[in-house]
mmCIF file of all heavy atoms, coordinates in Angstrom:
data_MODEL
# 
_entry.id   MODEL 
# 
loop_
_atom_site.group_PDB 
_atom_site.id 
_atom_site.type_symbol 
_atom_site.label_atom_id 
_atom_site.label_alt_id 
_atom_site.label_comp_id 
_atom_site.label_asym_id 
_atom_site.label_entity_id 
_atom_site.label_seq_id 
_atom_site.pdbx_PDB_ins_code 
_atom_site.Cartn_x 
_atom_site.Cartn_y 
_atom_site.Cartn_z 
_atom_site.occupancy 
_atom_site.B_iso_or_equiv 
_atom_site.pdbx_formal_charge 
_atom_site.auth_seq_id 
_atom_site.auth_comp_id 
_atom_site.auth_asym_id 
_atom_site.auth_atom_id 
_atom_site.pdbx_PDB_model_num 
ATOM 1   N N   . THR A 1 1  ? 129.932 147.260 139.383 1.00 0.00 ? 1  THR A N   1 
ATOM 2   C CA  . THR A 1 1  ? 129.707 147.209 137.937 1.00 0.00 ? 1  THR A CA  1 
ATOM 3   C C   . THR A 1 1  ? 130.078 145.844 137.363 1.00 0.00 ? 1  THR A C   1 
ATOM 4   O O   . THR A 1 1  ? 129.342 145.274 136.550 1.00 0.00 ? 1  THR A O   1 
ATOM 5   C CB  . THR A 1 1  ? 130.523 148.309 137.237 1.00 0.00 ? 1  THR A CB  1 
ATOM 6   O OG1 . THR A 1 1  ? 130.105 149.585 137.729 1.00 0.00 ? 1  THR A OG1 1 
ATOM 7   C CG2 . THR A 1 1  ? 130.333 148.262 135.729 1.00 0.00 ? 1  THR A CG2 1 
ATOM 8   N N   . LEU A 1 2  ? 131.218 145.307 137.773 1.00 0.00 ? 2  LEU A N   1 
ATOM 9   C CA  . LEU A 1 2  ? 131.654 144.008 137.240 1.00 0.00 ? 2  LEU A CA  1 
ATOM 10  C C   . LEU A 1 2  ? 130.725 142.884 137.688 1.00 0.00 ? 2  LEU A C   1 
ATOM 11  O O   . LEU A 1 2  ? 130.425 141.968 136.909 1.00 0.00 ? 2  LEU A O   1 
ATOM 12  C CB  . LEU A 1 2  ? 133.088 143.722 137.682 1.00 0.00 ? 2  LEU A CB  1 
ATOM 13  C CG  . LEU A 1 2  ? 134.167 144.589 137.023 1.00 0.00 ? 2  LEU A CG  1 
ATOM 14  C CD1 . LEU A 1 2  ? 135.517 144.360 137.684 1.00 0.00 ? 2  LEU A CD1 1 
ATOM 15  C CD2 . LEU A 1 2  ? 134.255 144.303 135.523 1.00 0.00 ? 2  LEU A CD2 1 
ATOM 16  N N   . ILE A 1 3  ? 130.268 142.934 138.942 1.00 0.00 ? 3  ILE A N   1 
ATOM 17  C CA  . ILE A 1 3  ? 129.321 141.920 139.415 1.00 0.00 ? 3  ILE A CA  1 
ATOM 18  C C   . ILE A 1 3  ? 128.020 142.019 138.645 1.00 0.00 ? 3  ILE A C   1 
ATOM 19  O O   . ILE A 1 3  ? 127.469 141.013 138.164 1.00 0.00 ? 3  ILE A O   1 
ATOM 20  C CB  . ILE A 1 3  ? 129.078 142.071 140.927 1.00 0.00 ? 3  ILE A CB  1 
ATOM 21  C CG1 . ILE A 1 3  ? 130.319 141.643 141.713 1.00 0.00 ? 3  ILE A CG1 1 
ATOM 22  C CG2 . ILE A 1 3  ? 127.863 141.253 141.364 1.00 0.00 ? 3  ILE A CG2 1 
ATOM 23  C CD1 . ILE A 1 3  ? 130.236 141.923 143.193 1.00 0.00 ? 3  ILE A CD1 1 
ATOM 24  N N   . ASP A 1 4  ? 127.497 143.237 138.504 1.00 0.00 ? 4  ASP A N   1 
ATOM 25  C CA  . ASP A 1 4  ? 126.235 143.436 137.796 1.00 0.00 ? 4  ASP A CA  1 
ATOM 26  C C   . ASP A 1 4  ? 126.357 142.973 136.347 1.00 0.00 ? 4  ASP A C   1 
ATOM 27  O O   . ASP A 1 4  ? 125.461 142.290 135.815 1.00 0.00 ? 4  ASP A O   1 
ATOM 28  C CB  . ASP A 1 4  ? 125.838 144.910 137.862 1.00 0.00 ? 4  ASP A CB  1 
ATOM 29  C CG  . ASP A 1 4  ? 124.455 145.177 137.276 1.00 0.00 ? 4  ASP A CG  1 
ATOM 30  O OD1 . ASP A 1 4  ? 123.523 144.422 137.609 1.00 0.00 ? 4  ASP A OD1 1 
ATOM 31  O OD2 . ASP A 1 4  ? 124.320 146.123 136.489 1.00 0.00 ? 4  ASP A OD2 1 
ATOM 32  N N   . HIS A 1 5  ? 127.462 143.303 135.706 1.00 0.00 ? 5  HIS A N   1 
ATOM 33  C CA  . HIS A 1 5  ? 127.650 142.902 134.312 1.00 0.00 ? 5  HIS A CA  1 
ATOM 34  C C   . HIS A 1 5  ? 127.730 141.386 134.189 1.00 0.00 ? 5  HIS A C   1 
ATOM 35  O O   . HIS A 1 5  ? 127.171 140.796 133.256 1.00 0.00 ? 5  HIS A O   1 
ATOM 36  C CB  . HIS A 1 5  ? 128.922 143.542 133.755 1.00 0.00 ? 5  HIS A CB  1 
ATOM 37  C CG  . HIS A 1 5  ? 129.096 143.328 132.279 1.00 0.00 ? 5  HIS A CG  1 
ATOM 38  N ND1 . HIS A 1 5  ? 129.638 142.178 131.743 1.00 0.00 ? 5  HIS A ND1 1 
ATOM 39  C CD2 . HIS A 1 5  ? 128.759 144.106 131.221 1.00 0.00 ? 5  HIS A CD2 1 
ATOM 40  C CE1 . HIS A 1 5  ? 129.653 142.255 130.429 1.00 0.00 ? 5  HIS A CE1 1 
ATOM 41  N NE2 . HIS A 1 5  ? 129.130 143.415 130.072 1.00 0.00 ? 5  HIS A NE2 1 
ATOM 42  N N   . ALA A 1 6  ? 128.408 140.727 135.141 1.00 0.00 ? 6  ALA A N   1 
ATOM 43  C CA  . ALA A 1 6  ? 128.524 139.269 135.086 1.00 0.00 ? 6  ALA A CA  1 
ATOM 44  C C   . ALA A 1 6  ? 127.163 138.596 135.174 1.00 0.00 ? 6  ALA A C   1 
ATOM 45  O O   . ALA A 1 6  ? 126.870 137.652 134.431 1.00 0.00 ? 6  ALA A O   1 
ATOM 46  C CB  . ALA A 1 6  ? 129.426 138.782 136.216 1.00 0.00 ? 6  ALA A CB  1 
ATOM 47  N N   . VAL A 1 7  ? 126.304 139.097 136.071 1.00 0.00 ? 7  VAL A N   1 
ATOM 48  C CA  . VAL A 1 7  ? 124.999 138.468 136.261 1.00 0.00 ? 7  VAL A CA  1 
ATOM 49  C C   . VAL A 1 7  ? 124.090 138.701 135.059 1.00 0.00 ? 7  VAL A C   1 
ATOM 50  O O   . VAL A 1 7  ? 123.277 137.845 134.701 1.00 0.00 ? 7  VAL A O   1 
ATOM 51  C CB  . VAL A 1 7  ? 124.339 138.984 137.555 1.00 0.00 ? 7  VAL A CB  1 
ATOM 52  C CG1 . VAL A 1 7  ? 122.974 138.345 137.740 1.00 0.00 ? 7  VAL A CG1 1 
ATOM 53  C CG2 . VAL A 1 7  ? 125.217 138.681 138.759 1.00 0.00 ? 7  VAL A CG2 1 
ATOM 54  N N   . ARG A 1 8  ? 124.228 139.840 134.410 1.00 0.00 ? 8  ARG A N   1 
ATOM 55  C CA  . ARG A 1 8  ? 123.352 140.171 133.274 1.00 0.00 ? 8  ARG A CA  1 
ATOM 56  C C   . ARG A 1 8  ? 123.687 139.389 132.003 1.00 0.00 ? 8  ARG A C   1 
ATOM 57  O O   . ARG A 1 8  ? 123.047 139.586 130.972 1.00 0.00 ? 8  ARG A O   1 
ATOM 58  C CB  . ARG A 1 8  ? 123.418 141.668 132.981 1.00 0.00 ? 8  ARG A CB  1 
ATOM 59  C CG  . ARG A 1 8  ? 122.752 142.544 134.040 1.00 0.00 ? 8  ARG A CG  1 
ATOM 60  C CD  . ARG A 1 8  ? 122.994 144.013 133.727 1.00 0.00 ? 8  ARG A CD  1 
ATOM 61  N NE  . ARG A 1 8  ? 122.530 144.884 134.777 1.00 0.00 ? 8  ARG A NE  1 
ATOM 62  C CZ  . ARG A 1 8  ? 121.426 145.636 134.706 1.00 0.00 ? 8  ARG A CZ  1 
ATOM 63  N NH1 . ARG A 1 8  ? 120.654 145.573 133.637 1.00 0.00 ? 8  ARG A NH1 1 
ATOM 64  N NH2 . ARG A 1 8  ? 121.076 146.434 135.703 1.00 0.00 ? 8  ARG A NH2 1 
ATOM 65  N N   . GLU A 1 9  ? 124.666 138.510 132.068 1.00 0.00 ? 9  GLU A N   1 
ATOM 66  C CA  . GLU A 1 9  ? 125.017 137.700 130.902 1.00 0.00 ? 9  GLU A CA  1 
ATOM 67  C C   . GLU A 1 9  ? 123.949 136.654 130.582 1.00 0.00 ? 9  GLU A C   1 
ATOM 68  O O   . GLU A 1 9  ? 123.991 136.032 129.523 1.00 0.00 ? 9  GLU A O   1 
ATOM 69  C CB  . GLU A 1 9  ? 126.364 137.020 131.110 1.00 0.00 ? 9  GLU A CB  1 
ATOM 70  C CG  . GLU A 1 9  ? 127.556 137.951 131.018 1.00 0.00 ? 9  GLU A CG  1 
ATOM 71  C CD  . GLU A 1 9  ? 127.776 138.464 129.610 1.00 0.00 ? 9  GLU A CD  1 
ATOM 72  O OE1 . GLU A 1 9  ? 128.207 137.694 128.750 1.00 0.00 ? 9  GLU A OE1 1 
ATOM 73  O OE2 . GLU A 1 9  ? 127.490 139.656 129.374 1.00 0.00 ? 9  GLU A OE2 1 
ATOM 74  N N   . MET A 1 10 ? 123.012 136.428 131.490 1.00 0.00 ? 10 MET A N   1 
ATOM 75  C CA  . MET A 1 10 ? 121.839 135.595 131.223 1.00 0.00 ? 10 MET A CA  1 
ATOM 76  C C   . MET A 1 10 ? 120.601 136.373 131.643 1.00 0.00 ? 10 MET A C   1 
ATOM 77  O O   . MET A 1 10 ? 120.683 137.238 132.525 1.00 0.00 ? 10 MET A O   1 
ATOM 78  C CB  . MET A 1 10 ? 121.904 134.271 131.988 1.00 0.00 ? 10 MET A CB  1 
ATOM 79  C CG  . MET A 1 10 ? 122.630 133.170 131.261 1.00 0.00 ? 10 MET A CG  1 
ATOM 80  S SD  . MET A 1 10 ? 122.177 131.497 131.824 1.00 0.00 ? 10 MET A SD  1 
ATOM 81  C CE  . MET A 1 10 ? 122.779 131.478 133.491 1.00 0.00 ? 10 MET A CE  1 
ATOM 82  N N   . PRO A 1 11 ? 119.442 136.071 131.068 1.00 0.00 ? 11 PRO A N   1 
ATOM 83  C CA  . PRO A 1 11 ? 118.217 136.744 131.499 1.00 0.00 ? 11 PRO A CA  1 
ATOM 84  C C   . PRO A 1 11 ? 117.957 136.497 132.979 1.00 0.00 ? 11 PRO A C   1 
ATOM 85  O O   . PRO A 1 11 ? 118.227 135.413 133.497 1.00 0.00 ? 11 PRO A O   1 
ATOM 86  C CB  . PRO A 1 11 ? 117.132 136.096 130.629 1.00 0.00 ? 11 PRO A CB  1 
ATOM 87  C CG  . PRO A 1 11 ? 117.860 135.563 129.439 1.00 0.00 ? 11 PRO A CG  1 
ATOM 88  C CD  . PRO A 1 11 ? 119.200 135.156 129.942 1.00 0.00 ? 11 PRO A CD  1 
ATOM 89  N N   . PRO A 1 12 ? 117.424 137.493 133.695 1.00 0.00 ? 12 PRO A N   1 
ATOM 90  C CA  . PRO A 1 12 ? 117.246 137.355 135.143 1.00 0.00 ? 12 PRO A CA  1 
ATOM 91  C C   . PRO A 1 12 ? 116.037 136.498 135.506 1.00 0.00 ? 12 PRO A C   1 
ATOM 92  O O   . PRO A 1 12 ? 115.169 136.226 134.670 1.00 0.00 ? 12 PRO A O   1 
ATOM 93  C CB  . PRO A 1 12 ? 117.028 138.804 135.598 1.00 0.00 ? 12 PRO A CB  1 
ATOM 94  C CG  . PRO A 1 12 ? 116.388 139.463 134.416 1.00 0.00 ? 12 PRO A CG  1 
ATOM 95  C CD  . PRO A 1 12 ? 117.024 138.831 133.208 1.00 0.00 ? 12 PRO A CD  1 
ATOM 96  N N   . ARG A 1 13 ? 116.011 136.041 136.776 1.00 0.00 ? 13 ARG A N   1 
ATOM 97  C CA  . ARG A 1 13 ? 114.831 135.374 137.294 1.00 0.00 ? 13 ARG A CA  1 
ATOM 98  C C   . ARG A 1 13 ? 113.674 136.367 137.355 1.00 0.00 ? 13 ARG A C   1 
ATOM 99  O O   . ARG A 1 13 ? 113.902 137.574 137.433 1.00 0.00 ? 13 ARG A O   1 
ATOM 100 C CB  . ARG A 1 13 ? 115.111 134.808 138.702 1.00 0.00 ? 13 ARG A CB  1 
ATOM 101 C CG  . ARG A 1 13 ? 116.120 133.707 138.740 1.00 0.00 ? 13 ARG A CG  1 
ATOM 102 C CD  . ARG A 1 13 ? 116.233 133.098 140.148 1.00 0.00 ? 13 ARG A CD  1 
ATOM 103 N NE  . ARG A 1 13 ? 116.641 134.058 141.152 1.00 0.00 ? 13 ARG A NE  1 
ATOM 104 C CZ  . ARG A 1 13 ? 117.893 134.373 141.432 1.00 0.00 ? 13 ARG A CZ  1 
ATOM 105 N NH1 . ARG A 1 13 ? 118.882 133.806 140.776 1.00 0.00 ? 13 ARG A NH1 1 
ATOM 106 N NH2 . ARG A 1 13 ? 118.189 135.259 142.361 1.00 0.00 ? 13 ARG A NH2 1 
ATOM 107 N N   . PRO A 1 14 ? 112.422 135.894 137.358 1.00 0.00 ? 14 PRO A N   1 
ATOM 108 C CA  . PRO A 1 14 ? 111.998 134.482 137.373 1.00 0.00 ? 14 PRO A CA  1 
ATOM 109 C C   . PRO A 1 14 ? 112.108 133.826 136.005 1.00 0.00 ? 14 PRO A C   1 
ATOM 110 O O   . PRO A 1 14 ? 111.856 134.459 134.981 1.00 0.00 ? 14 PRO A O   1 
ATOM 111 C CB  . PRO A 1 14 ? 110.529 134.577 137.820 1.00 0.00 ? 14 PRO A CB  1 
ATOM 112 C CG  . PRO A 1 14 ? 110.076 135.920 137.344 1.00 0.00 ? 14 PRO A CG  1 
ATOM 113 C CD  . PRO A 1 14 ? 111.270 136.820 137.489 1.00 0.00 ? 14 PRO A CD  1 
ATOM 114 N N   . GLU A 1 15 ? 112.493 132.556 136.027 1.00 0.00 ? 15 GLU A N   1 
ATOM 115 C CA  . GLU A 1 15 ? 112.559 131.779 134.795 1.00 0.00 ? 15 GLU A CA  1 
ATOM 116 C C   . GLU A 1 15 ? 111.136 131.426 134.341 1.00 0.00 ? 15 GLU A C   1 
ATOM 117 O O   . GLU A 1 15 ? 110.283 131.108 135.175 1.00 0.00 ? 15 GLU A O   1 
ATOM 118 C CB  . GLU A 1 15 ? 113.346 130.486 135.030 1.00 0.00 ? 15 GLU A CB  1 
ATOM 119 C CG  . GLU A 1 15 ? 114.753 130.672 135.562 1.00 0.00 ? 15 GLU A CG  1 
ATOM 120 C CD  . GLU A 1 15 ? 115.720 131.181 134.510 1.00 0.00 ? 15 GLU A CD  1 
ATOM 121 O OE1 . GLU A 1 15 ? 115.304 131.353 133.353 1.00 0.00 ? 15 GLU A OE1 1 
ATOM 122 O OE2 . GLU A 1 15 ? 116.883 131.407 134.864 1.00 0.00 ? 15 GLU A OE2 1 
ATOM 123 N N   . PRO A 1 16 ? 110.874 131.471 133.038 1.00 0.00 ? 16 PRO A N   1 
ATOM 124 C CA  . PRO A 1 16 ? 109.538 131.084 132.560 1.00 0.00 ? 16 PRO A CA  1 
ATOM 125 C C   . PRO A 1 16 ? 109.194 129.631 132.866 1.00 0.00 ? 16 PRO A C   1 
ATOM 126 O O   . PRO A 1 16 ? 108.030 129.282 133.021 1.00 0.00 ? 16 PRO A O   1 
ATOM 127 C CB  . PRO A 1 16 ? 109.616 131.317 131.050 1.00 0.00 ? 16 PRO A CB  1 
ATOM 128 C CG  . PRO A 1 16 ? 110.760 132.251 130.862 1.00 0.00 ? 16 PRO A CG  1 
ATOM 129 C CD  . PRO A 1 16 ? 111.735 131.949 131.962 1.00 0.00 ? 16 PRO A CD  1 
ATOM 130 N N   . LEU A 1 17 ? 110.227 128.771 132.949 1.00 0.00 ? 17 LEU A N   1 
ATOM 131 C CA  . LEU A 1 17 ? 109.992 127.338 133.140 1.00 0.00 ? 17 LEU A CA  1 
ATOM 132 C C   . LEU A 1 17 ? 110.729 126.824 134.372 1.00 0.00 ? 17 LEU A C   1 
ATOM 133 O O   . LEU A 1 17 ? 111.752 127.372 134.778 1.00 0.00 ? 17 LEU A O   1 
ATOM 134 C CB  . LEU A 1 17 ? 110.474 126.549 131.928 1.00 0.00 ? 17 LEU A CB  1 
ATOM 135 C CG  . LEU A 1 17 ? 109.814 126.844 130.578 1.00 0.00 ? 17 LEU A CG  1 
ATOM 136 C CD1 . LEU A 1 17 ? 110.474 126.018 129.485 1.00 0.00 ? 17 LEU A CD1 1 
ATOM 137 C CD2 . LEU A 1 17 ? 108.319 126.558 130.632 1.00 0.00 ? 17 LEU A CD2 1 
ATOM 138 N N   . SER A 1 18 ? 110.178 125.775 134.945 1.00 0.00 ? 18 SER A N   1 
ATOM 139 C CA  . SER A 1 18 ? 110.886 124.995 135.951 1.00 0.00 ? 18 SER A CA  1 
ATOM 140 C C   . SER A 1 18 ? 110.862 123.545 135.492 1.00 0.00 ? 18 SER A C   1 
ATOM 141 O O   . SER A 1 18 ? 110.362 123.232 134.405 1.00 0.00 ? 18 SER A O   1 
ATOM 142 C CB  . SER A 1 18 ? 110.206 125.135 137.324 1.00 0.00 ? 18 SER A CB  1 
ATOM 143 O OG  . SER A 1 18 ? 109.009 124.366 137.378 1.00 0.00 ? 18 SER A OG  1 
ATOM 144 N N   . THR A 1 19 ? 111.385 122.656 136.327 1.00 0.00 ? 19 THR A N   1 
ATOM 145 C CA  . THR A 1 19 ? 111.364 121.236 135.953 1.00 0.00 ? 19 THR A CA  1 
ATOM 146 C C   . THR A 1 19 ? 109.987 120.615 136.141 1.00 0.00 ? 19 THR A C   1 
ATOM 147 O O   . THR A 1 19 ? 109.804 119.432 135.868 1.00 0.00 ? 19 THR A O   1 
ATOM 148 C CB  . THR A 1 19 ? 112.395 120.457 136.789 1.00 0.00 ? 19 THR A CB  1 
ATOM 149 O OG1 . THR A 1 19 ? 112.152 120.701 138.184 1.00 0.00 ? 19 THR A OG1 1 
ATOM 150 C CG2 . THR A 1 19 ? 113.809 120.873 136.445 1.00 0.00 ? 19 THR A CG2 1 
ATOM 151 N N   . MET A 1 20 ? 108.992 121.413 136.580 1.00 0.00 ? 20 MET A N   1 
ATOM 152 C CA  . MET A 1 20 ? 107.646 120.880 136.763 1.00 0.00 ? 20 MET A CA  1 
ATOM 153 C C   . MET A 1 20 ? 107.024 120.453 135.435 1.00 0.00 ? 20 MET A C   1 
ATOM 154 O O   . MET A 1 20 ? 106.387 119.407 135.342 1.00 0.00 ? 20 MET A O   1 
ATOM 155 C CB  . MET A 1 20 ? 106.750 121.928 137.436 1.00 0.00 ? 20 MET A CB  1 
ATOM 156 C CG  . MET A 1 20 ? 105.302 121.486 137.604 1.00 0.00 ? 20 MET A CG  1 
ATOM 157 S SD  . MET A 1 20 ? 104.250 122.744 138.360 1.00 0.00 ? 20 MET A SD  1 
ATOM 158 C CE  . MET A 1 20 ? 104.789 122.636 140.061 1.00 0.00 ? 20 MET A CE  1 
ATOM 159 N N   . ALA A 1 21 ? 107.193 121.290 134.387 1.00 0.00 ? 21 ALA A N   1 
ATOM 160 C CA  . ALA A 1 21 ? 106.535 121.019 133.107 1.00 0.00 ? 21 ALA A CA  1 
ATOM 161 C C   . ALA A 1 21 ? 107.238 121.813 132.013 1.00 0.00 ? 21 ALA A C   1 
ATOM 162 O O   . ALA A 1 21 ? 108.053 122.698 132.290 1.00 0.00 ? 21 ALA A O   1 
ATOM 163 C CB  . ALA A 1 21 ? 105.056 121.396 133.174 1.00 0.00 ? 21 ALA A CB  1 
ATOM 164 N N   . ASP A 1 22 ? 106.910 121.503 130.750 1.00 0.00 ? 22 ASP A N   1 
ATOM 165 C CA  . ASP A 1 22 ? 107.520 122.219 129.632 1.00 0.00 ? 22 ASP A CA  1 
ATOM 166 C C   . ASP A 1 22 ? 106.677 123.411 129.194 1.00 0.00 ? 22 ASP A C   1 
ATOM 167 O O   . ASP A 1 22 ? 106.788 123.891 128.076 1.00 0.00 ? 22 ASP A O   1 
ATOM 168 C CB  . ASP A 1 22 ? 107.779 121.271 128.454 1.00 0.00 ? 22 ASP A CB  1 
ATOM 169 C CG  . ASP A 1 22 ? 106.507 120.603 127.945 1.00 0.00 ? 22 ASP A CG  1 
ATOM 170 O OD1 . ASP A 1 22 ? 105.418 120.866 128.503 1.00 0.00 ? 22 ASP A OD1 1 
ATOM 171 O OD2 . ASP A 1 22 ? 106.611 119.810 126.985 1.00 0.00 ? 22 ASP A OD2 1 
ATOM 172 N N   . TYR A 1 23 ? 105.805 123.884 130.075 1.00 0.00 ? 23 TYR A N   1 
ATOM 173 C CA  . TYR A 1 23 ? 105.031 125.105 129.828 1.00 0.00 ? 23 TYR A CA  1 
ATOM 174 C C   . TYR A 1 23 ? 104.910 125.853 131.153 1.00 0.00 ? 23 TYR A C   1 
ATOM 175 O O   . TYR A 1 23 ? 105.147 125.290 132.230 1.00 0.00 ? 23 TYR A O   1 
ATOM 176 C CB  . TYR A 1 23 ? 103.645 124.778 129.260 1.00 0.00 ? 23 TYR A CB  1 
ATOM 177 C CG  . TYR A 1 23 ? 102.820 123.871 130.133 1.00 0.00 ? 23 TYR A CG  1 
ATOM 178 C CD1 . TYR A 1 23 ? 101.983 124.384 131.132 1.00 0.00 ? 23 TYR A CD1 1 
ATOM 179 C CD2 . TYR A 1 23 ? 102.881 122.486 129.974 1.00 0.00 ? 23 TYR A CD2 1 
ATOM 180 C CE1 . TYR A 1 23 ? 101.239 123.548 131.950 1.00 0.00 ? 23 TYR A CE1 1 
ATOM 181 C CE2 . TYR A 1 23 ? 102.144 121.644 130.793 1.00 0.00 ? 23 TYR A CE2 1 
ATOM 182 C CZ  . TYR A 1 23 ? 101.318 122.180 131.767 1.00 0.00 ? 23 TYR A CZ  1 
ATOM 183 O OH  . TYR A 1 23 ? 100.586 121.351 132.582 1.00 0.00 ? 23 TYR A OH  1 
ATOM 184 N N   . THR A 1 24 ? 104.533 127.110 131.082 1.00 0.00 ? 24 THR A N   1 
ATOM 185 C CA  . THR A 1 24 ? 104.469 127.962 132.261 1.00 0.00 ? 24 THR A CA  1 
ATOM 186 C C   . THR A 1 24 ? 103.085 127.915 132.903 1.00 0.00 ? 24 THR A C   1 
ATOM 187 O O   . THR A 1 24 ? 102.072 127.986 132.213 1.00 0.00 ? 24 THR A O   1 
ATOM 188 C CB  . THR A 1 24 ? 104.794 129.418 131.878 1.00 0.00 ? 24 THR A CB  1 
ATOM 189 O OG1 . THR A 1 24 ? 106.070 129.449 131.245 1.00 0.00 ? 24 THR A OG1 1 
ATOM 190 C CG2 . THR A 1 24 ? 104.821 130.321 133.105 1.00 0.00 ? 24 THR A CG2 1 
ATOM 191 N N   . SER A 1 25 ? 103.075 127.782 134.213 1.00 0.00 ? 25 SER A N   1 
ATOM 192 C CA  . SER A 1 25 ? 101.831 127.830 134.979 1.00 0.00 ? 25 SER A CA  1 
ATOM 193 C C   . SER A 1 25 ? 102.096 128.578 136.271 1.00 0.00 ? 25 SER A C   1 
ATOM 194 O O   . SER A 1 25 ? 103.249 128.841 136.632 1.00 0.00 ? 25 SER A O   1 
ATOM 195 C CB  . SER A 1 25 ? 101.325 126.416 135.285 1.00 0.00 ? 25 SER A CB  1 
ATOM 196 O OG  . SER A 1 25 ? 102.235 125.752 136.148 1.00 0.00 ? 25 SER A OG  1 
ATOM 197 N N   . TRP A 1 26 ? 101.037 128.934 136.977 1.00 0.00 ? 26 TRP A N   1 
ATOM 198 C CA  . TRP A 1 26 ? 101.235 129.607 138.270 1.00 0.00 ? 26 TRP A CA  1 
ATOM 199 C C   . TRP A 1 26 ? 102.036 128.706 139.213 1.00 0.00 ? 26 TRP A C   1 
ATOM 200 O O   . TRP A 1 26 ? 102.942 129.156 139.906 1.00 0.00 ? 26 TRP A O   1 
ATOM 201 C CB  . TRP A 1 26 ? 99.898  129.980 138.892 1.00 0.00 ? 26 TRP A CB  1 
ATOM 202 C CG  . TRP A 1 26 ? 100.061 130.612 140.247 1.00 0.00 ? 26 TRP A CG  1 
ATOM 203 C CD1 . TRP A 1 26 ? 99.735  130.098 141.456 1.00 0.00 ? 26 TRP A CD1 1 
ATOM 204 C CD2 . TRP A 1 26 ? 100.637 131.894 140.508 1.00 0.00 ? 26 TRP A CD2 1 
ATOM 205 N NE1 . TRP A 1 26 ? 100.061 130.974 142.470 1.00 0.00 ? 26 TRP A NE1 1 
ATOM 206 C CE2 . TRP A 1 26 ? 100.627 132.082 141.917 1.00 0.00 ? 26 TRP A CE2 1 
ATOM 207 C CE3 . TRP A 1 26 ? 101.179 132.909 139.706 1.00 0.00 ? 26 TRP A CE3 1 
ATOM 208 C CZ2 . TRP A 1 26 ? 101.122 133.231 142.527 1.00 0.00 ? 26 TRP A CZ2 1 
ATOM 209 C CZ3 . TRP A 1 26 ? 101.668 134.053 140.315 1.00 0.00 ? 26 TRP A CZ3 1 
ATOM 210 C CH2 . TRP A 1 26 ? 101.636 134.201 141.702 1.00 0.00 ? 26 TRP A CH2 1 
ATOM 211 N N   . ALA A 1 27 ? 101.717 127.421 139.214 1.00 0.00 ? 27 ALA A N   1 
ATOM 212 C CA  . ALA A 1 27 ? 102.427 126.491 140.090 1.00 0.00 ? 27 ALA A CA  1 
ATOM 213 C C   . ALA A 1 27 ? 103.904 126.419 139.719 1.00 0.00 ? 27 ALA A C   1 
ATOM 214 O O   . ALA A 1 27 ? 104.784 126.397 140.582 1.00 0.00 ? 27 ALA A O   1 
ATOM 215 C CB  . ALA A 1 27 ? 101.791 125.107 140.018 1.00 0.00 ? 27 ALA A CB  1 
ATOM 216 N N   . SER A 1 28 ? 104.202 126.390 138.408 1.00 0.00 ? 28 SER A N   1 
ATOM 217 C CA  . SER A 1 28 ? 105.607 126.277 137.992 1.00 0.00 ? 28 SER A CA  1 
ATOM 218 C C   . SER A 1 28 ? 106.395 127.540 138.300 1.00 0.00 ? 28 SER A C   1 
ATOM 219 O O   . SER A 1 28 ? 107.618 127.508 138.373 1.00 0.00 ? 28 SER A O   1 
ATOM 220 C CB  . SER A 1 28 ? 105.697 125.960 136.497 1.00 0.00 ? 28 SER A CB  1 
ATOM 221 O OG  . SER A 1 28 ? 105.377 127.092 135.706 1.00 0.00 ? 28 SER A OG  1 
ATOM 222 N N   . LEU A 1 29 ? 105.706 128.658 138.501 1.00 0.00 ? 29 LEU A N   1 
ATOM 223 C CA  . LEU A 1 29 ? 106.365 129.917 138.839 1.00 0.00 ? 29 LEU A CA  1 
ATOM 224 C C   . LEU A 1 29 ? 106.508 130.124 140.346 1.00 0.00 ? 29 LEU A C   1 
ATOM 225 O O   . LEU A 1 29 ? 107.184 131.061 140.780 1.00 0.00 ? 29 LEU A O   1 
ATOM 226 C CB  . LEU A 1 29 ? 105.590 131.099 138.252 1.00 0.00 ? 29 LEU A CB  1 
ATOM 227 C CG  . LEU A 1 29 ? 105.619 131.247 136.734 1.00 0.00 ? 29 LEU A CG  1 
ATOM 228 C CD1 . LEU A 1 29 ? 104.632 132.330 136.295 1.00 0.00 ? 29 LEU A CD1 1 
ATOM 229 C CD2 . LEU A 1 29 ? 107.021 131.580 136.240 1.00 0.00 ? 29 LEU A CD2 1 
ATOM 230 N N   . THR A 1 30 ? 105.896 129.253 141.143 1.00 0.00 ? 30 THR A N   1 
ATOM 231 C CA  . THR A 1 30 ? 105.888 129.478 142.592 1.00 0.00 ? 30 THR A CA  1 
ATOM 232 C C   . THR A 1 30 ? 106.324 128.275 143.423 1.00 0.00 ? 30 THR A C   1 
ATOM 233 O O   . THR A 1 30 ? 106.741 128.448 144.575 1.00 0.00 ? 30 THR A O   1 
ATOM 234 C CB  . THR A 1 30 ? 104.480 129.902 143.060 1.00 0.00 ? 30 THR A CB  1 
ATOM 235 O OG1 . THR A 1 30 ? 103.534 128.893 142.665 1.00 0.00 ? 30 THR A OG1 1 
ATOM 236 C CG2 . THR A 1 30 ? 104.079 131.242 142.464 1.00 0.00 ? 30 THR A CG2 1 
# 
């Protein structure tokens, strides 16, 4: 429970963005 609660303090993966670009694309998600 404590581990699960700690991880849920931020939204889970997958992240909408990566360092590829400032918008979401199939490439940026993979």
